[in-house]
mmCIF file of all heavy atoms, coordinates in Angstrom:
data_MODEL
# 
_entry.id   MODEL 
# 
loop_
_atom_site.group_PDB 
_atom_site.id 
_atom_site.type_symbol 
_atom_site.label_atom_id 
_atom_site.label_alt_id 
_atom_site.label_comp_id 
_atom_site.label_asym_id 
_atom_site.label_entity_id 
_atom_site.label_seq_id 
_atom_site.pdbx_PDB_ins_code 
_atom_site.Cartn_x 
_atom_site.Cartn_y 
_atom_site.Cartn_z 
_atom_site.occupancy 
_atom_site.B_iso_or_equiv 
_atom_site.pdbx_formal_charge 
_atom_site.auth_seq_id 
_atom_site.auth_comp_id 
_atom_site.auth_asym_id 
_atom_site.auth_atom_id 
_atom_site.pdbx_PDB_model_num 
ATOM 1   N N   . SER A 1 1  ? 87.747 123.886 109.820 1.00 0.00 ? 1  SER A N   1 
ATOM 2   C CA  . SER A 1 1  ? 86.708 124.234 108.919 1.00 0.00 ? 1  SER A CA  1 
ATOM 3   C C   . SER A 1 1  ? 86.146 125.551 109.005 1.00 0.00 ? 1  SER A C   1 
ATOM 4   O O   . SER A 1 1  ? 86.289 126.253 110.150 1.00 0.00 ? 1  SER A O   1 
ATOM 5   C CB  . SER A 1 1  ? 85.584 123.231 108.957 1.00 0.00 ? 1  SER A CB  1 
ATOM 6   O OG  . SER A 1 1  ? 85.080 123.364 110.310 1.00 0.00 ? 1  SER A OG  1 
ATOM 7   N N   . ARG A 1 2  ? 85.517 126.099 108.001 1.00 0.00 ? 2  ARG A N   1 
ATOM 8   C CA  . ARG A 1 2  ? 84.786 127.385 108.069 1.00 0.00 ? 2  ARG A CA  1 
ATOM 9   C C   . ARG A 1 2  ? 83.469 127.234 107.849 1.00 0.00 ? 2  ARG A C   1 
ATOM 10  O O   . ARG A 1 2  ? 82.978 126.410 106.986 1.00 0.00 ? 2  ARG A O   1 
ATOM 11  C CB  . ARG A 1 2  ? 85.627 128.363 107.090 1.00 0.00 ? 2  ARG A CB  1 
ATOM 12  C CG  . ARG A 1 2  ? 86.905 128.529 107.472 1.00 0.00 ? 2  ARG A CG  1 
ATOM 13  C CD  . ARG A 1 2  ? 87.883 129.138 106.447 1.00 0.00 ? 2  ARG A CD  1 
ATOM 14  N NE  . ARG A 1 2  ? 87.339 130.004 105.580 1.00 0.00 ? 2  ARG A NE  1 
ATOM 15  C CZ  . ARG A 1 2  ? 87.965 131.190 105.105 1.00 0.00 ? 2  ARG A CZ  1 
ATOM 16  N NH1 . ARG A 1 2  ? 89.021 131.554 105.645 1.00 0.00 ? 2  ARG A NH1 1 
ATOM 17  N NH2 . ARG A 1 2  ? 87.285 131.919 104.260 1.00 0.00 ? 2  ARG A NH2 1 
ATOM 18  N N   . THR A 1 3  ? 82.547 128.040 108.346 1.00 0.00 ? 3  THR A N   1 
ATOM 19  C CA  . THR A 1 3  ? 81.069 127.962 108.285 1.00 0.00 ? 3  THR A CA  1 
ATOM 20  C C   . THR A 1 3  ? 80.581 129.390 107.792 1.00 0.00 ? 3  THR A C   1 
ATOM 21  O O   . THR A 1 3  ? 81.170 130.393 107.970 1.00 0.00 ? 3  THR A O   1 
ATOM 22  C CB  . THR A 1 3  ? 80.418 127.786 109.559 1.00 0.00 ? 3  THR A CB  1 
ATOM 23  O OG1 . THR A 1 3  ? 80.731 128.729 110.602 1.00 0.00 ? 3  THR A OG1 1 
ATOM 24  C CG2 . THR A 1 3  ? 80.856 126.327 110.146 1.00 0.00 ? 3  THR A CG2 1 
ATOM 25  N N   . PRO A 1 4  ? 79.459 129.342 107.037 1.00 0.00 ? 4  PRO A N   1 
ATOM 26  C CA  . PRO A 1 4  ? 78.914 130.640 106.634 1.00 0.00 ? 4  PRO A CA  1 
ATOM 27  C C   . PRO A 1 4  ? 78.227 131.411 107.689 1.00 0.00 ? 4  PRO A C   1 
ATOM 28  O O   . PRO A 1 4  ? 77.619 130.739 108.716 1.00 0.00 ? 4  PRO A O   1 
ATOM 29  C CB  . PRO A 1 4  ? 77.929 130.141 105.501 1.00 0.00 ? 4  PRO A CB  1 
ATOM 30  C CG  . PRO A 1 4  ? 77.497 128.750 105.966 1.00 0.00 ? 4  PRO A CG  1 
ATOM 31  C CD  . PRO A 1 4  ? 78.747 128.164 106.611 1.00 0.00 ? 4  PRO A CD  1 
ATOM 32  N N   . THR A 1 5  ? 78.289 132.654 107.683 1.00 0.00 ? 5  THR A N   1 
ATOM 33  C CA  . THR A 1 5  ? 77.661 133.614 108.646 1.00 0.00 ? 5  THR A CA  1 
ATOM 34  C C   . THR A 1 5  ? 77.001 134.598 107.806 1.00 0.00 ? 5  THR A C   1 
ATOM 35  O O   . THR A 1 5  ? 77.486 135.022 106.714 1.00 0.00 ? 5  THR A O   1 
ATOM 36  C CB  . THR A 1 5  ? 78.452 134.156 109.756 1.00 0.00 ? 5  THR A CB  1 
ATOM 37  O OG1 . THR A 1 5  ? 79.570 134.978 109.107 1.00 0.00 ? 5  THR A OG1 1 
ATOM 38  C CG2 . THR A 1 5  ? 79.124 133.234 110.628 1.00 0.00 ? 5  THR A CG2 1 
ATOM 39  N N   . ILE A 1 6  ? 76.011 135.245 108.363 1.00 0.00 ? 6  ILE A N   1 
ATOM 40  C CA  . ILE A 1 6  ? 75.301 136.379 107.631 1.00 0.00 ? 6  ILE A CA  1 
ATOM 41  C C   . ILE A 1 6  ? 75.427 137.720 108.300 1.00 0.00 ? 6  ILE A C   1 
ATOM 42  O O   . ILE A 1 6  ? 75.312 137.807 109.472 1.00 0.00 ? 6  ILE A O   1 
ATOM 43  C CB  . ILE A 1 6  ? 73.752 136.004 107.689 1.00 0.00 ? 6  ILE A CB  1 
ATOM 44  C CG1 . ILE A 1 6  ? 73.428 134.633 106.959 1.00 0.00 ? 6  ILE A CG1 1 
ATOM 45  C CG2 . ILE A 1 6  ? 72.948 137.178 106.961 1.00 0.00 ? 6  ILE A CG2 1 
ATOM 46  C CD1 . ILE A 1 6  ? 72.081 134.156 107.267 1.00 0.00 ? 6  ILE A CD1 1 
ATOM 47  N N   . ASP A 1 7  ? 75.803 138.746 107.472 1.00 0.00 ? 7  ASP A N   1 
ATOM 48  C CA  . ASP A 1 7  ? 75.841 140.123 107.887 1.00 0.00 ? 7  ASP A CA  1 
ATOM 49  C C   . ASP A 1 7  ? 74.497 140.628 107.687 1.00 0.00 ? 7  ASP A C   1 
ATOM 50  O O   . ASP A 1 7  ? 74.254 140.965 106.648 1.00 0.00 ? 7  ASP A O   1 
ATOM 51  C CB  . ASP A 1 7  ? 76.960 140.887 107.019 1.00 0.00 ? 7  ASP A CB  1 
ATOM 52  C CG  . ASP A 1 7  ? 77.119 142.299 107.419 1.00 0.00 ? 7  ASP A CG  1 
ATOM 53  O OD1 . ASP A 1 7  ? 76.273 142.822 108.198 1.00 0.00 ? 7  ASP A OD1 1 
ATOM 54  O OD2 . ASP A 1 7  ? 78.025 142.910 107.074 1.00 0.00 ? 7  ASP A OD2 1 
ATOM 55  N N   . TRP A 1 8  ? 73.747 140.737 108.759 1.00 0.00 ? 8  TRP A N   1 
ATOM 56  C CA  . TRP A 1 8  ? 72.349 141.219 108.732 1.00 0.00 ? 8  TRP A CA  1 
ATOM 57  C C   . TRP A 1 8  ? 72.284 142.597 108.267 1.00 0.00 ? 8  TRP A C   1 
ATOM 58  O O   . TRP A 1 8  ? 71.095 142.967 107.629 1.00 0.00 ? 8  TRP A O   1 
ATOM 59  C CB  . TRP A 1 8  ? 71.640 140.945 110.010 1.00 0.00 ? 8  TRP A CB  1 
ATOM 60  C CG  . TRP A 1 8  ? 71.491 139.453 110.324 1.00 0.00 ? 8  TRP A CG  1 
ATOM 61  C CD1 . TRP A 1 8  ? 72.210 138.802 111.262 1.00 0.00 ? 8  TRP A CD1 1 
ATOM 62  C CD2 . TRP A 1 8  ? 70.748 138.469 109.755 1.00 0.00 ? 8  TRP A CD2 1 
ATOM 63  N NE1 . TRP A 1 8  ? 71.950 137.369 111.334 1.00 0.00 ? 8  TRP A NE1 1 
ATOM 64  C CE2 . TRP A 1 8  ? 70.998 137.268 110.264 1.00 0.00 ? 8  TRP A CE2 1 
ATOM 65  C CE3 . TRP A 1 8  ? 69.912 138.497 108.591 1.00 0.00 ? 8  TRP A CE3 1 
ATOM 66  C CZ2 . TRP A 1 8  ? 70.407 136.215 109.809 1.00 0.00 ? 8  TRP A CZ2 1 
ATOM 67  C CZ3 . TRP A 1 8  ? 69.290 137.320 108.167 1.00 0.00 ? 8  TRP A CZ3 1 
ATOM 68  C CH2 . TRP A 1 8  ? 69.498 136.145 108.852 1.00 0.00 ? 8  TRP A CH2 1 
ATOM 69  N N   . THR A 1 9  ? 73.190 143.533 108.353 1.00 0.00 ? 9  THR A N   1 
ATOM 70  C CA  . THR A 1 9  ? 73.040 144.664 107.964 1.00 0.00 ? 9  THR A CA  1 
ATOM 71  C C   . THR A 1 9  ? 73.129 144.920 106.426 1.00 0.00 ? 9  THR A C   1 
ATOM 72  O O   . THR A 1 9  ? 72.716 145.986 105.700 1.00 0.00 ? 9  THR A O   1 
ATOM 73  C CB  . THR A 1 9  ? 74.086 145.637 108.488 1.00 0.00 ? 9  THR A CB  1 
ATOM 74  O OG1 . THR A 1 9  ? 75.473 145.244 108.104 1.00 0.00 ? 9  THR A OG1 1 
ATOM 75  C CG2 . THR A 1 9  ? 74.047 145.669 109.984 1.00 0.00 ? 9  THR A CG2 1 
ATOM 76  N N   . ARG A 1 10 ? 73.700 143.829 105.743 1.00 0.00 ? 10 ARG A N   1 
ATOM 77  C CA  . ARG A 1 10 ? 73.735 143.816 104.325 1.00 0.00 ? 10 ARG A CA  1 
ATOM 78  C C   . ARG A 1 10 ? 72.652 142.992 103.557 1.00 0.00 ? 10 ARG A C   1 
ATOM 79  O O   . ARG A 1 10 ? 72.468 143.296 102.440 1.00 0.00 ? 10 ARG A O   1 
ATOM 80  C CB  . ARG A 1 10 ? 75.179 143.206 103.812 1.00 0.00 ? 10 ARG A CB  1 
ATOM 81  C CG  . ARG A 1 10 ? 76.341 144.125 104.211 1.00 0.00 ? 10 ARG A CG  1 
ATOM 82  C CD  . ARG A 1 10 ? 77.668 143.554 103.707 1.00 0.00 ? 10 ARG A CD  1 
ATOM 83  N NE  . ARG A 1 10 ? 78.687 144.394 103.789 1.00 0.00 ? 10 ARG A NE  1 
ATOM 84  C CZ  . ARG A 1 10 ? 79.112 145.172 102.700 1.00 0.00 ? 10 ARG A CZ  1 
ATOM 85  N NH1 . ARG A 1 10 ? 78.507 144.992 101.501 1.00 0.00 ? 10 ARG A NH1 1 
ATOM 86  N NH2 . ARG A 1 10 ? 80.157 145.925 102.840 1.00 0.00 ? 10 ARG A NH2 1 
ATOM 87  N N   . CYS A 1 11 ? 72.179 142.047 104.321 1.00 0.00 ? 11 CYS A N   1 
ATOM 88  C CA  . CYS A 1 11 ? 71.364 141.006 103.702 1.00 0.00 ? 11 CYS A CA  1 
ATOM 89  C C   . CYS A 1 11 ? 69.993 141.745 103.281 1.00 0.00 ? 11 CYS A C   1 
ATOM 90  O O   . CYS A 1 11 ? 69.286 142.544 104.046 1.00 0.00 ? 11 CYS A O   1 
ATOM 91  C CB  . CYS A 1 11 ? 70.906 139.973 104.690 1.00 0.00 ? 11 CYS A CB  1 
ATOM 92  S SG  . CYS A 1 11 ? 69.802 138.667 103.945 1.00 0.00 ? 11 CYS A SG  1 
ATOM 93  N N   . ASP A 1 12 ? 69.616 141.524 102.020 1.00 0.00 ? 12 ASP A N   1 
ATOM 94  C CA  . ASP A 1 12 ? 68.371 142.127 101.354 1.00 0.00 ? 12 ASP A CA  1 
ATOM 95  C C   . ASP A 1 12 ? 67.234 141.112 101.197 1.00 0.00 ? 12 ASP A C   1 
ATOM 96  O O   . ASP A 1 12 ? 66.312 141.508 100.615 1.00 0.00 ? 12 ASP A O   1 
ATOM 97  C CB  . ASP A 1 12 ? 68.634 142.845 100.069 1.00 0.00 ? 12 ASP A CB  1 
ATOM 98  C CG  . ASP A 1 12 ? 69.593 144.087 100.100 1.00 0.00 ? 12 ASP A CG  1 
ATOM 99  O OD1 . ASP A 1 12 ? 69.437 144.803 101.310 1.00 0.00 ? 12 ASP A OD1 1 
ATOM 100 O OD2 . ASP A 1 12 ? 70.243 144.386 99.291  1.00 0.00 ? 12 ASP A OD2 1 
ATOM 101 N N   . GLY A 1 13 ? 67.547 139.911 101.527 1.00 0.00 ? 13 GLY A N   1 
ATOM 102 C CA  . GLY A 1 13 ? 66.486 138.782 101.435 1.00 0.00 ? 13 GLY A CA  1 
ATOM 103 C C   . GLY A 1 13 ? 66.253 138.359 100.014 1.00 0.00 ? 13 GLY A C   1 
ATOM 104 O O   . GLY A 1 13 ? 65.138 138.017 99.751  1.00 0.00 ? 13 GLY A O   1 
ATOM 105 N N   . HIS A 1 14 ? 67.357 138.341 99.144  1.00 0.00 ? 14 HIS A N   1 
ATOM 106 C CA  . HIS A 1 14 ? 67.164 137.959 97.863  1.00 0.00 ? 14 HIS A CA  1 
ATOM 107 C C   . HIS A 1 14 ? 66.870 136.368 97.865  1.00 0.00 ? 14 HIS A C   1 
ATOM 108 O O   . HIS A 1 14 ? 66.315 135.883 96.939  1.00 0.00 ? 14 HIS A O   1 
ATOM 109 C CB  . HIS A 1 14 ? 68.490 138.003 97.033  1.00 0.00 ? 14 HIS A CB  1 
ATOM 110 C CG  . HIS A 1 14 ? 68.753 139.428 96.725  1.00 0.00 ? 14 HIS A CG  1 
ATOM 111 N ND1 . HIS A 1 14 ? 68.222 140.306 95.788  1.00 0.00 ? 14 HIS A ND1 1 
ATOM 112 C CD2 . HIS A 1 14 ? 69.649 140.270 97.447  1.00 0.00 ? 14 HIS A CD2 1 
ATOM 113 C CE1 . HIS A 1 14 ? 68.579 141.469 95.744  1.00 0.00 ? 14 HIS A CE1 1 
ATOM 114 N NE2 . HIS A 1 14 ? 69.556 141.628 96.731  1.00 0.00 ? 14 HIS A NE2 1 
ATOM 115 N N   . GLY A 1 15 ? 67.298 135.611 98.818  1.00 0.00 ? 15 GLY A N   1 
ATOM 116 C CA  . GLY A 1 15 ? 67.038 134.079 98.863  1.00 0.00 ? 15 GLY A CA  1 
ATOM 117 C C   . GLY A 1 15 ? 67.894 133.226 98.040  1.00 0.00 ? 15 GLY A C   1 
ATOM 118 O O   . GLY A 1 15 ? 67.710 132.034 98.043  1.00 0.00 ? 15 GLY A O   1 
ATOM 119 N N   . LEU A 1 16 ? 68.956 133.714 97.404  1.00 0.00 ? 16 LEU A N   1 
ATOM 120 C CA  . LEU A 1 16 ? 69.848 132.792 96.599  1.00 0.00 ? 16 LEU A CA  1 
ATOM 121 C C   . LEU A 1 16 ? 70.545 132.023 97.483  1.00 0.00 ? 16 LEU A C   1 
ATOM 122 O O   . LEU A 1 16 ? 70.821 130.823 97.021  1.00 0.00 ? 16 LEU A O   1 
ATOM 123 C CB  . LEU A 1 16 ? 70.712 133.810 95.729  1.00 0.00 ? 16 LEU A CB  1 
ATOM 124 C CG  . LEU A 1 16 ? 71.814 133.098 94.842  1.00 0.00 ? 16 LEU A CG  1 
ATOM 125 C CD1 . LEU A 1 16 ? 70.981 132.339 93.815  1.00 0.00 ? 16 LEU A CD1 1 
ATOM 126 C CD2 . LEU A 1 16 ? 72.724 134.195 94.246  1.00 0.00 ? 16 LEU A CD2 1 
ATOM 127 N N   . CYS A 1 17 ? 70.952 132.300 98.692  1.00 0.00 ? 17 CYS A N   1 
ATOM 128 C CA  . CYS A 1 17 ? 71.649 131.411 99.458  1.00 0.00 ? 17 CYS A CA  1 
ATOM 129 C C   . CYS A 1 17 ? 70.833 130.284 99.901  1.00 0.00 ? 17 CYS A C   1 
ATOM 130 O O   . CYS A 1 17 ? 71.497 129.101 99.977  1.00 0.00 ? 17 CYS A O   1 
ATOM 131 C CB  . CYS A 1 17 ? 72.118 132.101 100.850 1.00 0.00 ? 17 CYS A CB  1 
ATOM 132 S SG  . CYS A 1 17 ? 70.827 132.950 101.708 1.00 0.00 ? 17 CYS A SG  1 
ATOM 133 N N   . ALA A 1 18 ? 69.548 130.312 99.924  1.00 0.00 ? 18 ALA A N   1 
ATOM 134 C CA  . ALA A 1 18 ? 68.741 129.049 100.289 1.00 0.00 ? 18 ALA A CA  1 
ATOM 135 C C   . ALA A 1 18 ? 68.772 128.102 99.032  1.00 0.00 ? 18 ALA A C   1 
ATOM 136 O O   . ALA A 1 18 ? 68.567 126.911 99.300  1.00 0.00 ? 18 ALA A O   1 
ATOM 137 C CB  . ALA A 1 18 ? 67.342 129.585 100.605 1.00 0.00 ? 18 ALA A CB  1 
ATOM 138 N N   . GLN A 1 19 ? 68.961 128.614 97.853  1.00 0.00 ? 19 GLN A N   1 
ATOM 139 C CA  . GLN A 1 19 ? 69.086 127.726 96.757  1.00 0.00 ? 19 GLN A CA  1 
ATOM 140 C C   . GLN A 1 19 ? 70.495 127.008 96.606  1.00 0.00 ? 19 GLN A C   1 
ATOM 141 O O   . GLN A 1 19 ? 70.610 125.820 96.249  1.00 0.00 ? 19 GLN A O   1 
ATOM 142 C CB  . GLN A 1 19 ? 68.886 128.401 95.444  1.00 0.00 ? 19 GLN A CB  1 
ATOM 143 C CG  . GLN A 1 19 ? 67.522 128.966 95.302  1.00 0.00 ? 19 GLN A CG  1 
ATOM 144 C CD  . GLN A 1 19 ? 67.198 129.814 94.016  1.00 0.00 ? 19 GLN A CD  1 
ATOM 145 O OE1 . GLN A 1 19 ? 68.053 129.865 93.222  1.00 0.00 ? 19 GLN A OE1 1 
ATOM 146 N NE2 . GLN A 1 19 ? 66.285 130.633 94.075  1.00 0.00 ? 19 GLN A NE2 1 
ATOM 147 N N   . LEU A 1 20 ? 71.527 127.730 97.224  1.00 0.00 ? 20 LEU A N   1 
ATOM 148 C CA  . LEU A 1 20 ? 72.892 127.270 97.153  1.00 0.00 ? 20 LEU A CA  1 
ATOM 149 C C   . LEU A 1 20 ? 73.385 126.449 98.352  1.00 0.00 ? 20 LEU A C   1 
ATOM 150 O O   . LEU A 1 20 ? 74.287 125.635 98.101  1.00 0.00 ? 20 LEU A O   1 
ATOM 151 C CB  . LEU A 1 20 ? 73.832 128.407 96.923  1.00 0.00 ? 20 LEU A CB  1 
ATOM 152 C CG  . LEU A 1 20 ? 73.741 129.132 95.589  1.00 0.00 ? 20 LEU A CG  1 
ATOM 153 C CD1 . LEU A 1 20 ? 74.591 130.438 95.553  1.00 0.00 ? 20 LEU A CD1 1 
ATOM 154 C CD2 . LEU A 1 20 ? 73.921 128.331 94.442  1.00 0.00 ? 20 LEU A CD2 1 
ATOM 155 N N   . LEU A 1 21 ? 72.833 126.620 99.533  1.00 0.00 ? 21 LEU A N   1 
ATOM 156 C CA  . LEU A 1 21 ? 73.216 126.116 100.733 1.00 0.00 ? 21 LEU A CA  1 
ATOM 157 C C   . LEU A 1 21 ? 72.261 125.002 101.235 1.00 0.00 ? 21 LEU A C   1 
ATOM 158 O O   . LEU A 1 21 ? 71.079 125.283 101.624 1.00 0.00 ? 21 LEU A O   1 
ATOM 159 C CB  . LEU A 1 21 ? 73.452 127.063 101.861 1.00 0.00 ? 21 LEU A CB  1 
ATOM 160 C CG  . LEU A 1 21 ? 74.572 128.132 101.754 1.00 0.00 ? 21 LEU A CG  1 
ATOM 161 C CD1 . LEU A 1 21 ? 74.409 129.126 102.695 1.00 0.00 ? 21 LEU A CD1 1 
ATOM 162 C CD2 . LEU A 1 21 ? 75.926 127.382 101.674 1.00 0.00 ? 21 LEU A CD2 1 
ATOM 163 N N   . PRO A 1 22 ? 72.587 123.687 101.030 1.00 0.00 ? 22 PRO A N   1 
ATOM 164 C CA  . PRO A 1 22 ? 71.702 122.731 101.476 1.00 0.00 ? 22 PRO A CA  1 
ATOM 165 C C   . PRO A 1 22 ? 71.153 122.890 102.908 1.00 0.00 ? 22 PRO A C   1 
ATOM 166 O O   . PRO A 1 22 ? 72.000 123.210 103.767 1.00 0.00 ? 22 PRO A O   1 
ATOM 167 C CB  . PRO A 1 22 ? 72.529 121.455 101.239 1.00 0.00 ? 22 PRO A CB  1 
ATOM 168 C CG  . PRO A 1 22 ? 73.521 121.732 100.394 1.00 0.00 ? 22 PRO A CG  1 
ATOM 169 C CD  . PRO A 1 22 ? 73.855 123.266 100.591 1.00 0.00 ? 22 PRO A CD  1 
ATOM 170 N N   . GLY A 1 23 ? 69.918 122.717 103.245 1.00 0.00 ? 23 GLY A N   1 
ATOM 171 C CA  . GLY A 1 23 ? 69.421 122.840 104.468 1.00 0.00 ? 23 GLY A CA  1 
ATOM 172 C C   . GLY A 1 23 ? 69.013 124.192 104.859 1.00 0.00 ? 23 GLY A C   1 
ATOM 173 O O   . GLY A 1 23 ? 68.370 124.389 105.923 1.00 0.00 ? 23 GLY A O   1 
ATOM 174 N N   . THR A 1 24 ? 69.312 125.259 104.034 1.00 0.00 ? 24 THR A N   1 
ATOM 175 C CA  . THR A 1 24 ? 68.955 126.679 104.424 1.00 0.00 ? 24 THR A CA  1 
ATOM 176 C C   . THR A 1 24 ? 67.573 126.829 103.866 1.00 0.00 ? 24 THR A C   1 
ATOM 177 O O   . THR A 1 24 ? 67.195 126.446 102.768 1.00 0.00 ? 24 THR A O   1 
ATOM 178 C CB  . THR A 1 24 ? 69.901 127.651 103.624 1.00 0.00 ? 24 THR A CB  1 
ATOM 179 O OG1 . THR A 1 24 ? 71.213 127.286 104.116 1.00 0.00 ? 24 THR A OG1 1 
ATOM 180 C CG2 . THR A 1 24 ? 69.548 129.068 103.958 1.00 0.00 ? 24 THR A CG2 1 
ATOM 181 N N   . THR A 1 25 ? 66.758 127.463 104.780 1.00 0.00 ? 25 THR A N   1 
ATOM 182 C CA  . THR A 1 25 ? 65.370 127.708 104.533 1.00 0.00 ? 25 THR A CA  1 
ATOM 183 C C   . THR A 1 25 ? 65.264 129.365 104.539 1.00 0.00 ? 25 THR A C   1 
ATOM 184 O O   . THR A 1 25 ? 66.196 129.950 104.967 1.00 0.00 ? 25 THR A O   1 
ATOM 185 C CB  . THR A 1 25 ? 64.432 127.156 105.535 1.00 0.00 ? 25 THR A CB  1 
ATOM 186 O OG1 . THR A 1 25 ? 64.741 127.631 106.834 1.00 0.00 ? 25 THR A OG1 1 
ATOM 187 C CG2 . THR A 1 25 ? 64.504 125.637 105.474 1.00 0.00 ? 25 THR A CG2 1 
# 
């Protein structure tokens, strides 16, 4: 299986992932 990880140098805090990934805050 594969899991999502975040590249913090690219993340701008849009928050879309929190809407798409269950359990993400």
